Structure formats: structure tokens, C-alpha cells
Amino acid sequence: MKKFQSIKGEGLPYIIGETILYNLFIILMVLVVNSYELSNVFKISLIIINIYEFHYIFMYSSLEYNVYEEYIEISSIFGLKKDKIFFKDIKGYFRISGEIKGVKLYGYGKDNFALGKSIIDKVGTAKMYVTSNENIVYLKVEDISYGLSPKEVEEFESILIKKGIISCNWDYSINKNINLYKDKKFIIPFIIVTIIIIILTLHPFILYLYNKLPEKMPLSFDANFHVVKTGTGKEFAFKQMAYGVLNMAILFCMHYASYFYAKYDKKSAYKFIYISLGSSLLFLIIQIRILITF
């Protein structure tokens, strides 16, 4: 086994700096915004963003490429995350340096480093394990490419040549035949979100029509769930319906974003429907808490 360290560029300070800025902004919003709903949105966002950011901080700082007899193993997050590329599956490679031209699907994508998945000019959809643009090796397999940035790039390239892998360019095309409704990983959360939004929208209104709501209902809360403003049951029902309409709009936007991303990478499309799921679930939990409490 031959171990190749990744070239360490300017990416780590950038990710750390961005993480600090996100944390400062969200903490400031939590302190300033005196709203129970928004406070919970910011708190959950803070947790998710930090998980996301630290994932890529650890990935960047521990990335290495281990070459075995039959495959290349990309190891990151101190060996917890591994990705294997078998030599028999590699159709070709090419080496390049300079600005990374492409569009990020998820992860981090900048001119001088890229982690995650991106659409790269002259490469197509690629899993990017590139910590510096000083020397980048792109490997082409059947349905995707990989971007690597090993330190001893000449030695790494010589191994590829010895394995009979040729240096070449390749064509790529986007997938125009997208039908996410046949994909269980998309359609199941989509149906769940739709049901949640229907409940969120209609449940309070049905309670109002059947006189199951008290005459006075809370309309807004401070960050500690203390009532700031009260109104009639009708006003409460219509406010909850407004939250339902808001989540319908979010679902609509996430639906079309999923279809756009699915043209390039289906797995990248799933995240959007889960954003809508998280949003609708949060508002439903808040609604249930209000109805139970009052």
C-alpha cells in the first residue's frame, strides 16, 4: 500500500472562517429575534450548519489517498469516511492545474479547492476530493468522475500508467429523462411532507369550524414560549393556515430544485425534499404544542 497525502492549500482557513461567521450571525439572530417560531428555526439551523461545516473541516484536514493493488482508497475524517475506486473501473484520467471551473452540487466548491460533488468543466459530474488546485488528477469511471490532489503527483500518475490507464479527455451529457416519482427515496418523503402540510393547514381550521378552539388563542410568542399577543380562535386558525401556505411554497420550490439537480446527480436532489420535510415538521410540532398547552 502506498499512501499519498493531499496538497494542503487555502481551503481550511476559508471553511473555518465561514463557520465562525455563520455561528456569529445565527447566535445574534437568536438573541435579537424575540419570536418562538424563528428562534427554533435559527437554533435548528445552527446545529445543522455546524454538523455540515465540521464534516468538511475534518474531511479537509485528514484527506489522503491510499493506493492498493486493485484500488485507490480515498480516506477522510480520520478514516471514518472511505471511498474506493477500483483500477478496473477507471476508463481514463487527465491531469490539470489552475482555477477549478465548475458549479457546486453540494459540499464546498471554490476556484482553488473543492470537496463534495460538483459539475466540472470538461469533466462532468465529479466527486471532488481536491484540497488545492496546484495539481489535480481527474479519474473517469462509468457514471461519474473523481477529482484528487495528491502531493507526489508524478508518482501517482506513474502508478496509473503502470495499471494501463490512459490519459485522455471525455464527453459527458446531462440526464434529460428524469422521473423522481418512481424513486422511493424521493416520493416517500414527498408524500410525508404533503400529508404534514395538509394537517398543518386544515387541522386548526376544522377545529375552529366545530367550535373546538377556545375563544381566545395565542397568536405569537416570545423566544421562551410566553404569550405576546392573543386573538380569536378564527385568527389563530387563519395564522396556522398561513404557515401551511408558506410550507406549500417551500415544497414547490424544493420540488423544482430537486428536478434541476437530478439532471446532474440524483443523490444531490434528495436533500431539497428533506429541507421541506424539516420545515413542515417543525411548524407542525409547534402547532401541536400550542394546541396541547392552550
C-alpha atoms as a PDB file:
ATOM      1  CA  MET A   1       0.000   0.000   0.000  1.00  0.00           C
ATOM      2  CA  LYS A   2       1.274   3.453  -0.968  1.00  0.00           C
ATOM      3  CA  LYS A   3      -0.082   6.474   0.904  1.00  0.00           C
ATOM      4  CA  PHE A   4      -0.388   9.880  -0.776  1.00  0.00           C
ATOM      5  CA  GLN A   5      -1.151  12.969   1.294  1.00  0.00           C
ATOM      6  CA  SER A   6      -3.325  15.680  -0.231  1.00  0.00           C
ATOM      7  CA  ILE A   7      -1.827  19.075  -1.047  1.00  0.00           C
ATOM      8  CA  LYS A   8      -2.881  21.475   1.683  1.00  0.00           C
ATOM      9  CA  GLY A   9      -3.927  24.824   0.215  1.00  0.00           C
ATOM     10  CA  GLU A  10      -6.028  27.730   1.453  1.00  0.00           C
ATOM     11  CA  GLY A  11      -9.273  25.829   1.906  1.00  0.00           C
ATOM     12  CA  LEU A  12      -9.134  25.065   5.632  1.00  0.00           C
ATOM     13  CA  PRO A  13      -8.855  28.705   6.824  1.00  0.00           C
ATOM     14  CA  TYR A  14     -11.705  29.574   4.449  1.00  0.00           C
ATOM     15  CA  ILE A  15     -14.031  26.878   5.842  1.00  0.00           C
ATOM     16  CA  ILE A  16     -13.166  27.749   9.460  1.00  0.00           C
ATOM     17  CA  GLY A  17     -13.723  31.458   8.787  1.00  0.00           C
ATOM     18  CA  GLU A  18     -17.083  30.778   7.159  1.00  0.00           C
ATOM     19  CA  THR A  19     -18.098  28.562  10.104  1.00  0.00           C
ATOM     20  CA  ILE A  20     -17.286  31.339  12.588  1.00  0.00           C
ATOM     21  CA  LEU A  21     -19.275  33.901  10.577  1.00  0.00           C
ATOM     22  CA  TYR A  22     -22.310  31.599  10.318  1.00  0.00           C
ATOM     23  CA  ASN A  23     -22.218  30.935  14.064  1.00  0.00           C
ATOM     24  CA  LEU A  24     -21.910  34.613  14.960  1.00  0.00           C
ATOM     25  CA  PHE A  25     -24.780  35.573  12.644  1.00  0.00           C
ATOM     26  CA  ILE A  26     -27.171  32.858  13.849  1.00  0.00           C
ATOM     27  CA  ILE A  27     -26.361  33.413  17.547  1.00  0.00           C
ATOM     28  CA  LEU A  28     -27.002  37.135  17.012  1.00  0.00           C
ATOM     29  CA  MET A  29     -30.356  36.341  15.386  1.00  0.00           C
ATOM     30  CA  VAL A  30     -31.335  34.051  18.285  1.00  0.00           C
ATOM     31  CA  LEU A  31     -30.548  36.851  20.747  1.00  0.00           C
ATOM     32  CA  VAL A  32     -32.236  39.612  18.743  1.00  0.00           C
ATOM     33  CA  VAL A  33     -35.338  37.872  17.367  1.00  0.00           C
ATOM     34  CA  ASN A  34     -37.965  37.563  20.084  1.00  0.00           C
ATOM     35  CA  SER A  35     -40.109  35.004  18.288  1.00  0.00           C
ATOM     36  CA  TYR A  36     -40.648  31.387  19.338  1.00  0.00           C
ATOM     37  CA  GLU A  37     -41.014  30.107  15.768  1.00  0.00           C
ATOM     38  CA  LEU A  38     -37.998  31.949  14.341  1.00  0.00           C
ATOM     39  CA  SER A  39     -35.892  31.215  17.419  1.00  0.00           C
ATOM     40  CA  ASN A  40     -36.424  27.478  16.900  1.00  0.00           C
ATOM     41  CA  VAL A  41     -35.669  27.775  13.183  1.00  0.00           C
ATOM     42  CA  PHE A  42     -32.351  29.505  13.956  1.00  0.00           C
ATOM     43  CA  LYS A  43     -31.419  27.019  16.701  1.00  0.00           C
ATOM     44  CA  ILE A  44     -32.029  24.015  14.457  1.00  0.00           C
ATOM     45  CA  SER A  45     -30.167  25.760  11.614  1.00  0.00           C
ATOM     46  CA  LEU A  46     -27.209  26.328  13.945  1.00  0.00           C
ATOM     47  CA  ILE A  47     -26.980  22.610  14.744  1.00  0.00           C
ATOM     48  CA  ILE A  48     -27.310  21.514  11.102  1.00  0.00           C
ATOM     49  CA  ILE A  49     -24.816  24.086   9.798  1.00  0.00           C
ATOM     50  CA  ASN A  50     -22.209  23.158  12.413  1.00  0.00           C
ATOM     51  CA  ILE A  51     -22.525  19.450  11.609  1.00  0.00           C
ATOM     52  CA  TYR A  52     -22.123  20.318   7.919  1.00  0.00           C
ATOM     53  CA  GLU A  53     -19.163  22.670   8.445  1.00  0.00           C
ATOM     54  CA  PHE A  54     -17.230  20.427  10.846  1.00  0.00           C
ATOM     55  CA  HIS A  55     -17.763  17.490   8.495  1.00  0.00           C
ATOM     56  CA  TYR A  56     -15.794  19.360   5.812  1.00  0.00           C
ATOM     57  CA  ILE A  57     -13.230  20.773   8.259  1.00  0.00           C
ATOM     58  CA  PHE A  58     -12.339  17.237   9.389  1.00  0.00           C
ATOM     59  CA  MET A  59     -12.534  15.973   5.812  1.00  0.00           C
ATOM     60  CA  TYR A  60     -10.132  18.631   4.518  1.00  0.00           C
ATOM     61  CA  SER A  61      -7.602  18.251   7.345  1.00  0.00           C
ATOM     62  CA  SER A  62      -7.367  14.432   7.186  1.00  0.00           C
ATOM     63  CA  LEU A  63      -7.777  13.689   3.462  1.00  0.00           C
ATOM     64  CA  GLU A  64      -5.372  11.132   1.979  1.00  0.00           C
ATOM     65  CA  TYR A  65      -5.256   8.687  -0.920  1.00  0.00           C
ATOM     66  CA  ASN A  66      -4.164   5.084  -0.272  1.00  0.00           C
ATOM     67  CA  VAL A  67      -3.185   3.074  -3.346  1.00  0.00           C
ATOM     68  CA  TYR A  68      -3.585  -0.705  -3.098  1.00  0.00           C
ATOM     69  CA  GLU A  69      -3.003  -3.387  -5.702  1.00  0.00           C
ATOM     70  CA  GLU A  70      -6.562  -3.346  -7.024  1.00  0.00           C
ATOM     71  CA  TYR A  71      -7.984   0.017  -5.988  1.00  0.00           C
ATOM     72  CA  ILE A  72      -7.460   3.568  -4.737  1.00  0.00           C
ATOM     73  CA  GLU A  73      -8.957   4.274  -1.327  1.00  0.00           C
ATOM     74  CA  ILE A  74      -9.844   7.883  -0.527  1.00  0.00           C
ATOM     75  CA  SER A  75      -9.776   8.234   3.250  1.00  0.00           C
ATOM     76  CA  SER A  76     -11.025  11.244   5.214  1.00  0.00           C
ATOM     77  CA  ILE A  77     -12.487  12.292   8.587  1.00  0.00           C
ATOM     78  CA  PHE A  78      -9.661  10.351  10.266  1.00  0.00           C
ATOM     79  CA  GLY A  79     -10.502   7.139   8.448  1.00  0.00           C
ATOM     80  CA  LEU A  80     -14.235   7.179   9.213  1.00  0.00           C
ATOM     81  CA  LYS A  81     -15.201   8.032   5.633  1.00  0.00           C
ATOM     82  CA  LYS A  82     -13.767   5.952   2.787  1.00  0.00           C
ATOM     83  CA  ASP A  83     -14.392   5.831  -0.947  1.00  0.00           C
ATOM     84  CA  LYS A  84     -12.897   3.146  -3.200  1.00  0.00           C
ATOM     85  CA  ILE A  85     -12.079   3.432  -6.906  1.00  0.00           C
ATOM     86  CA  PHE A  86     -11.129   0.107  -8.497  1.00  0.00           C
ATOM     87  CA  PHE A  87      -8.484   0.326 -11.225  1.00  0.00           C
ATOM     88  CA  LYS A  88     -10.534  -1.997 -13.460  1.00  0.00           C
ATOM     89  CA  ASP A  89     -13.358   0.574 -13.456  1.00  0.00           C
ATOM     90  CA  ILE A  90     -11.227   3.592 -14.419  1.00  0.00           C
ATOM     91  CA  LYS A  91     -11.718   4.466 -18.106  1.00  0.00           C
ATOM     92  CA  GLY A  92      -9.089   7.206 -18.223  1.00  0.00           C
ATOM     93  CA  TYR A  93      -7.548  10.161 -16.440  1.00  0.00           C
ATOM     94  CA  PHE A  94      -6.120  13.589 -17.055  1.00  0.00           C
ATOM     95  CA  ARG A  95      -4.000  15.972 -15.029  1.00  0.00           C
ATOM     96  CA  ILE A  96      -4.542  19.712 -14.773  1.00  0.00           C
ATOM     97  CA  SER A  97      -3.655  22.698 -12.613  1.00  0.00           C
ATOM     98  CA  GLY A  98      -5.133  26.141 -12.099  1.00  0.00           C
ATOM     99  CA  GLU A  99      -8.599  27.512 -11.448  1.00  0.00           C
ATOM    100  CA  ILE A 100     -11.327  24.942 -10.844  1.00  0.00           C
ATOM    101  CA  LYS A 101     -14.158  25.826 -13.220  1.00  0.00           C
ATOM    102  CA  GLY A 102     -17.489  24.353 -12.272  1.00  0.00           C
ATOM    103  CA  VAL A 103     -20.711  24.511 -10.291  1.00  0.00           C
ATOM    104  CA  LYS A 104     -21.102  23.033  -6.812  1.00  0.00           C
ATOM    105  CA  LEU A 105     -23.895  20.499  -6.275  1.00  0.00           C
ATOM    106  CA  TYR A 106     -23.133  20.092  -2.595  1.00  0.00           C
ATOM    107  CA  GLY A 107     -20.139  20.487  -0.300  1.00  0.00           C
ATOM    108  CA  TYR A 108     -17.571  23.196  -0.992  1.00  0.00           C
ATOM    109  CA  GLY A 109     -16.605  24.443  -4.411  1.00  0.00           C
ATOM    110  CA  LYS A 110     -14.155  27.306  -4.918  1.00  0.00           C
ATOM    111  CA  ASP A 111     -11.564  28.284  -7.504  1.00  0.00           C
ATOM    112  CA  ASN A 112      -8.703  26.710  -5.538  1.00  0.00           C
ATOM    113  CA  PHE A 113     -10.278  23.728  -3.729  1.00  0.00           C
ATOM    114  CA  ALA A 114     -13.395  21.571  -3.904  1.00  0.00           C
ATOM    115  CA  LEU A 115     -14.928  18.981  -1.602  1.00  0.00           C
ATOM    116  CA  GLY A 116     -18.201  17.176  -2.193  1.00  0.00           C
ATOM    117  CA  LYS A 117     -19.814  16.898  -5.598  1.00  0.00           C
ATOM    118  CA  SER A 118     -19.603  19.403  -8.456  1.00  0.00           C
ATOM    119  CA  ILE A 119     -20.204  19.784 -12.180  1.00  0.00           C
ATOM    120  CA  ILE A 120     -16.716  20.456 -13.546  1.00  0.00           C
ATOM    121  CA  ASP A 121     -15.974  21.982 -16.946  1.00  0.00           C
ATOM    122  CA  LYS A 122     -14.750  19.308 -19.425  1.00  0.00           C
ATOM    123  CA  VAL A 123     -15.214  16.630 -16.737  1.00  0.00           C
ATOM    124  CA  GLY A 124     -18.912  16.460 -15.875  1.00  0.00           C
ATOM    125  CA  THR A 125     -20.309  15.409 -12.520  1.00  0.00           C
ATOM    126  CA  ALA A 126     -17.423  14.653 -10.180  1.00  0.00           C
ATOM    127  CA  LYS A 127     -16.812  13.675  -6.583  1.00  0.00           C
ATOM    128  CA  MET A 128     -14.259  16.238  -5.535  1.00  0.00           C
ATOM    129  CA  TYR A 129     -11.502  15.429  -3.044  1.00  0.00           C
ATOM    130  CA  VAL A 130      -9.348  18.380  -4.073  1.00  0.00           C
ATOM    131  CA  THR A 131      -7.634  20.429  -1.350  1.00  0.00           C
ATOM    132  CA  SER A 132      -5.547  22.512  -3.779  1.00  0.00           C
ATOM    133  CA  ASN A 133      -5.645  23.406  -7.475  1.00  0.00           C
ATOM    134  CA  GLU A 134      -1.858  23.126  -7.751  1.00  0.00           C
ATOM    135  CA  ASN A 135      -2.120  19.622  -9.225  1.00  0.00           C
ATOM    136  CA  ILE A 136      -5.442  17.912  -9.889  1.00  0.00           C
ATOM    137  CA  VAL A 137      -5.907  14.399 -11.261  1.00  0.00           C
ATOM    138  CA  TYR A 138      -9.360  13.568 -12.629  1.00  0.00           C
ATOM    139  CA  LEU A 139     -10.308   9.884 -12.879  1.00  0.00           C
ATOM    140  CA  LYS A 140     -13.189   8.776 -15.104  1.00  0.00           C
ATOM    141  CA  VAL A 141     -15.314   5.764 -14.142  1.00  0.00           C
ATOM    142  CA  GLU A 142     -18.568   4.551 -15.691  1.00  0.00           C
ATOM    143  CA  ASP A 143     -21.082   7.133 -14.474  1.00  0.00           C
ATOM    144  CA  ILE A 144     -19.027   9.712 -12.558  1.00  0.00           C
ATOM    145  CA  SER A 145     -15.551  11.196 -12.222  1.00  0.00           C
ATOM    146  CA  TYR A 146     -13.260  11.769  -9.241  1.00  0.00           C
ATOM    147  CA  GLY A 147     -11.009  14.742  -8.556  1.00  0.00           C
ATOM    148  CA  LEU A 148      -7.878  14.189  -6.428  1.00  0.00           C
ATOM    149  CA  SER A 149      -4.916  16.381  -5.465  1.00  0.00           C
ATOM    150  CA  PRO A 150      -2.033  14.146  -4.283  1.00  0.00           C
ATOM    151  CA  LYS A 151       1.293  15.699  -3.246  1.00  0.00           C
ATOM    152  CA  GLU A 152       3.568  13.333  -5.202  1.00  0.00           C
ATOM    153  CA  VAL A 153       1.524  13.720  -8.355  1.00  0.00           C
ATOM    154  CA  GLU A 154       4.203  12.349 -10.717  1.00  0.00           C
ATOM    155  CA  GLU A 155       4.473   9.119  -8.724  1.00  0.00           C
ATOM    156  CA  PHE A 156       0.682   8.881  -8.511  1.00  0.00           C
ATOM    157  CA  GLU A 157       0.412   9.359 -12.282  1.00  0.00           C
ATOM    158  CA  SER A 158       3.065   6.713 -12.937  1.00  0.00           C
ATOM    159  CA  ILE A 159       1.004   4.182 -10.960  1.00  0.00           C
ATOM    160  CA  LEU A 160      -1.996   4.904 -13.188  1.00  0.00           C
ATOM    161  CA  ILE A 161       0.121   4.425 -16.306  1.00  0.00           C
ATOM    162  CA  LYS A 162       1.502   1.114 -14.983  1.00  0.00           C
ATOM    163  CA  LYS A 163      -2.072  -0.048 -14.470  1.00  0.00           C
ATOM    164  CA  GLY A 164      -2.754   0.604 -18.156  1.00  0.00           C
ATOM    165  CA  ILE A 165      -4.906   3.680 -17.571  1.00  0.00           C
ATOM    166  CA  ILE A 166      -4.527   6.186 -20.402  1.00  0.00           C
ATOM    167  CA  SER A 167      -4.509   9.970 -20.259  1.00  0.00           C
ATOM    168  CA  CYS A 168      -7.487  11.245 -22.246  1.00  0.00           C
ATOM    169  CA  ASN A 169     -10.410  13.641 -22.430  1.00  0.00           C
ATOM    170  CA  TRP A 170     -14.023  12.515 -22.318  1.00  0.00           C
ATOM    171  CA  ASP A 171     -17.503  13.697 -23.202  1.00  0.00           C
ATOM    172  CA  TYR A 172     -20.378  13.952 -20.771  1.00  0.00           C
ATOM    173  CA  SER A 173     -24.086  14.730 -21.032  1.00  0.00           C
ATOM    174  CA  ILE A 174     -26.889  15.582 -18.630  1.00  0.00           C
ATOM    175  CA  ASN A 175     -29.739  13.188 -17.905  1.00  0.00           C
ATOM    176  CA  LYS A 176     -32.889  14.583 -19.528  1.00  0.00           C
ATOM    177  CA  ASN A 177     -35.144  11.625 -18.665  1.00  0.00           C
ATOM    178  CA  ILE A 178     -35.895  12.425 -15.031  1.00  0.00           C
ATOM    179  CA  ASN A 179     -38.800  10.793 -13.214  1.00  0.00           C
ATOM    180  CA  LEU A 180     -38.313  11.217  -9.481  1.00  0.00           C
ATOM    181  CA  TYR A 181     -41.841   9.981  -8.772  1.00  0.00           C
ATOM    182  CA  LYS A 182     -40.618   6.434  -9.448  1.00  0.00           C
ATOM    183  CA  ASP A 183     -37.819   6.880  -6.917  1.00  0.00           C
ATOM    184  CA  LYS A 184     -38.842   5.771  -3.409  1.00  0.00           C
ATOM    185  CA  LYS A 185     -36.132   7.903  -1.806  1.00  0.00           C
ATOM    186  CA  PHE A 186     -37.878  10.959  -3.243  1.00  0.00           C
ATOM    187  CA  ILE A 187     -41.553  10.063  -3.377  1.00  0.00           C
ATOM    188  CA  ILE A 188     -41.878   8.720   0.201  1.00  0.00           C
ATOM    189  CA  PRO A 189     -40.629  11.925   1.903  1.00  0.00           C
ATOM    190  CA  PHE A 190     -42.606  13.958  -0.672  1.00  0.00           C
ATOM    191  CA  ILE A 191     -45.843  12.190   0.348  1.00  0.00           C
ATOM    192  CA  ILE A 192     -44.996  12.616   4.051  1.00  0.00           C
ATOM    193  CA  VAL A 193     -44.389  16.353   3.555  1.00  0.00           C
ATOM    194  CA  THR A 194     -47.676  16.707   1.666  1.00  0.00           C
ATOM    195  CA  ILE A 195     -49.612  14.977   4.465  1.00  0.00           C
ATOM    196  CA  ILE A 196     -47.913  17.121   7.136  1.00  0.00           C
ATOM    197  CA  ILE A 197     -48.753  20.325   5.242  1.00  0.00           C
ATOM    198  CA  ILE A 198     -52.402  19.271   4.828  1.00  0.00           C
ATOM    199  CA  ILE A 199     -52.648  18.602   8.583  1.00  0.00           C
ATOM    200  CA  LEU A 200     -50.820  21.838   9.404  1.00  0.00           C
ATOM    201  CA  THR A 201     -53.164  23.841   7.173  1.00  0.00           C
ATOM    202  CA  LEU A 202     -56.569  22.256   7.760  1.00  0.00           C
ATOM    203  CA  HIS A 203     -56.477  20.878  11.303  1.00  0.00           C
ATOM    204  CA  PRO A 204     -56.822  24.244  13.157  1.00  0.00           C
ATOM    205  CA  PHE A 205     -59.493  25.413  10.691  1.00  0.00           C
ATOM    206  CA  ILE A 206     -61.530  22.235  11.213  1.00  0.00           C
ATOM    207  CA  LEU A 207     -61.235  22.692  14.989  1.00  0.00           C
ATOM    208  CA  TYR A 208     -62.494  26.259  14.570  1.00  0.00           C
ATOM    209  CA  LEU A 209     -65.456  25.211  12.393  1.00  0.00           C
ATOM    210  CA  TYR A 210     -66.516  22.639  15.001  1.00  0.00           C
ATOM    211  CA  ASN A 211     -66.039  25.147  17.858  1.00  0.00           C
ATOM    212  CA  LYS A 212     -63.227  23.089  19.379  1.00  0.00           C
ATOM    213  CA  LEU A 213     -60.939  26.095  19.822  1.00  0.00           C
ATOM    214  CA  PRO A 214     -61.160  28.430  22.840  1.00  0.00           C
ATOM    215  CA  GLU A 215     -62.492  31.936  22.232  1.00  0.00           C
ATOM    216  CA  LYS A 216     -59.041  33.367  22.937  1.00  0.00           C
ATOM    217  CA  MET A 217     -55.959  31.805  21.380  1.00  0.00           C
ATOM    218  CA  PRO A 218     -52.301  32.892  21.397  1.00  0.00           C
ATOM    219  CA  LEU A 219     -51.124  34.358  18.104  1.00  0.00           C
ATOM    220  CA  SER A 220     -47.467  34.996  18.875  1.00  0.00           C
ATOM    221  CA  PHE A 221     -44.874  34.029  21.473  1.00  0.00           C
ATOM    222  CA  ASP A 222     -41.502  35.262  22.628  1.00  0.00           C
ATOM    223  CA  ALA A 223     -38.439  33.016  22.425  1.00  0.00           C
ATOM    224  CA  ASN A 224     -39.340  31.403  25.786  1.00  0.00           C
ATOM    225  CA  PHE A 225     -42.860  30.427  24.672  1.00  0.00           C
ATOM    226  CA  HIS A 226     -44.533  33.196  26.660  1.00  0.00           C
ATOM    227  CA  VAL A 227     -47.649  34.640  25.008  1.00  0.00           C
ATOM    228  CA  VAL A 228     -47.034  38.067  23.472  1.00  0.00           C
ATOM    229  CA  LYS A 229     -50.296  38.530  21.582  1.00  0.00           C
ATOM    230  CA  THR A 230     -53.692  36.847  21.784  1.00  0.00           C
ATOM    231  CA  GLY A 231     -56.607  36.811  19.380  1.00  0.00           C
ATOM    232  CA  THR A 232     -59.731  34.882  18.475  1.00  0.00           C
ATOM    233  CA  GLY A 233     -59.853  31.218  17.512  1.00  0.00           C
ATOM    234  CA  LYS A 234     -60.569  32.322  13.945  1.00  0.00           C
ATOM    235  CA  GLU A 235     -57.409  34.465  13.840  1.00  0.00           C
ATOM    236  CA  PHE A 236     -55.365  31.548  15.189  1.00  0.00           C
ATOM    237  CA  ALA A 237     -56.779  29.177  12.565  1.00  0.00           C
ATOM    238  CA  PHE A 238     -56.005  31.580   9.712  1.00  0.00           C
ATOM    239  CA  LYS A 239     -52.483  32.217  11.016  1.00  0.00           C
ATOM    240  CA  GLN A 240     -51.800  28.475  11.063  1.00  0.00           C
ATOM    241  CA  MET A 241     -53.227  28.230   7.543  1.00  0.00           C
ATOM    242  CA  ALA A 242     -50.745  30.924   6.508  1.00  0.00           C
ATOM    243  CA  TYR A 243     -47.919  28.755   7.882  1.00  0.00           C
ATOM    244  CA  GLY A 244     -49.328  25.882   5.836  1.00  0.00           C
ATOM    245  CA  VAL A 245     -49.319  28.000   2.671  1.00  0.00           C
ATOM    246  CA  LEU A 246     -45.733  29.052   3.442  1.00  0.00           C
ATOM    247  CA  ASN A 247     -44.685  25.407   3.647  1.00  0.00           C
ATOM    248  CA  MET A 248     -46.546  24.665   0.400  1.00  0.00           C
ATOM    249  CA  ALA A 249     -44.440  27.361  -1.268  1.00  0.00           C
ATOM    250  CA  ILE A 250     -41.263  25.858   0.218  1.00  0.00           C
ATOM    251  CA  LEU A 251     -42.273  22.399  -1.044  1.00  0.00           C
ATOM    252  CA  PHE A 252     -42.981  23.823  -4.512  1.00  0.00           C
ATOM    253  CA  CYS A 253     -39.532  25.462  -4.693  1.00  0.00           C
ATOM    254  CA  MET A 254     -37.748  22.381  -3.326  1.00  0.00           C
ATOM    255  CA  HIS A 255     -39.595  20.160  -5.807  1.00  0.00           C
ATOM    256  CA  TYR A 256     -38.297  22.101  -8.810  1.00  0.00           C
ATOM    257  CA  ALA A 257     -34.812  22.408  -7.311  1.00  0.00           C
ATOM    258  CA  SER A 258     -34.773  18.603  -6.937  1.00  0.00           C
ATOM    259  CA  TYR A 259     -35.633  18.118 -10.611  1.00  0.00           C
ATOM    260  CA  PHE A 260     -32.931  20.556 -11.706  1.00  0.00           C
ATOM    261  CA  TYR A 261     -30.227  18.851  -9.640  1.00  0.00           C
ATOM    262  CA  ALA A 262     -31.390  15.361 -10.642  1.00  0.00           C
ATOM    263  CA  LYS A 263     -30.279  16.100 -14.226  1.00  0.00           C
ATOM    264  CA  TYR A 264     -26.697  16.030 -12.986  1.00  0.00           C
ATOM    265  CA  ASP A 265     -26.827  13.832  -9.888  1.00  0.00           C
ATOM    266  CA  LYS A 266     -29.905  12.152  -8.448  1.00  0.00           C
ATOM    267  CA  LYS A 267     -28.486  11.780  -4.934  1.00  0.00           C
ATOM    268  CA  SER A 268     -27.937  15.544  -4.746  1.00  0.00           C
ATOM    269  CA  ALA A 269     -31.636  16.084  -5.476  1.00  0.00           C
ATOM    270  CA  TYR A 270     -32.860  14.296  -2.361  1.00  0.00           C
ATOM    271  CA  LYS A 271     -31.588  16.948   0.059  1.00  0.00           C
ATOM    272  CA  PHE A 272     -34.146  19.526  -1.111  1.00  0.00           C
ATOM    273  CA  ILE A 273     -37.176  17.432  -0.246  1.00  0.00           C
ATOM    274  CA  TYR A 274     -35.710  16.845   3.215  1.00  0.00           C
ATOM    275  CA  ILE A 275     -35.385  20.606   3.718  1.00  0.00           C
ATOM    276  CA  SER A 276     -39.129  20.871   3.101  1.00  0.00           C
ATOM    277  CA  LEU A 277     -39.733  17.897   5.412  1.00  0.00           C
ATOM    278  CA  GLY A 278     -37.756  19.523   8.231  1.00  0.00           C
ATOM    279  CA  SER A 279     -39.548  22.856   7.827  1.00  0.00           C
ATOM    280  CA  SER A 280     -43.078  21.416   7.768  1.00  0.00           C
ATOM    281  CA  LEU A 281     -42.344  19.067  10.672  1.00  0.00           C
ATOM    282  CA  LEU A 282     -41.053  21.936  12.816  1.00  0.00           C
ATOM    283  CA  PHE A 283     -44.188  24.035  12.247  1.00  0.00           C
ATOM    284  CA  LEU A 284     -46.430  21.025  12.929  1.00  0.00           C
ATOM    285  CA  ILE A 285     -44.664  20.319  16.250  1.00  0.00           C
ATOM    286  CA  ILE A 286     -45.072  23.978  17.255  1.00  0.00           C
ATOM    287  CA  GLN A 287     -48.773  23.859  16.340  1.00  0.00           C
ATOM    288  CA  ILE A 288     -49.301  20.675  18.365  1.00  0.00           C
ATOM    289  CA  ARG A 289     -47.557  22.207  21.378  1.00  0.00           C
ATOM    290  CA  ILE A 290     -49.796  25.290  21.196  1.00  0.00           C
ATOM    291  CA  LEU A 291     -52.974  23.196  20.948  1.00  0.00           C
ATOM    292  CA  ILE A 292     -51.929  20.941  23.839  1.00  0.00           C
ATOM    293  CA  THR A 293     -50.896  23.871  26.051  1.00  0.00           C
ATOM    294  CA  PHE A 294     -53.849  26.161  25.372  1.00  0.00           C
END
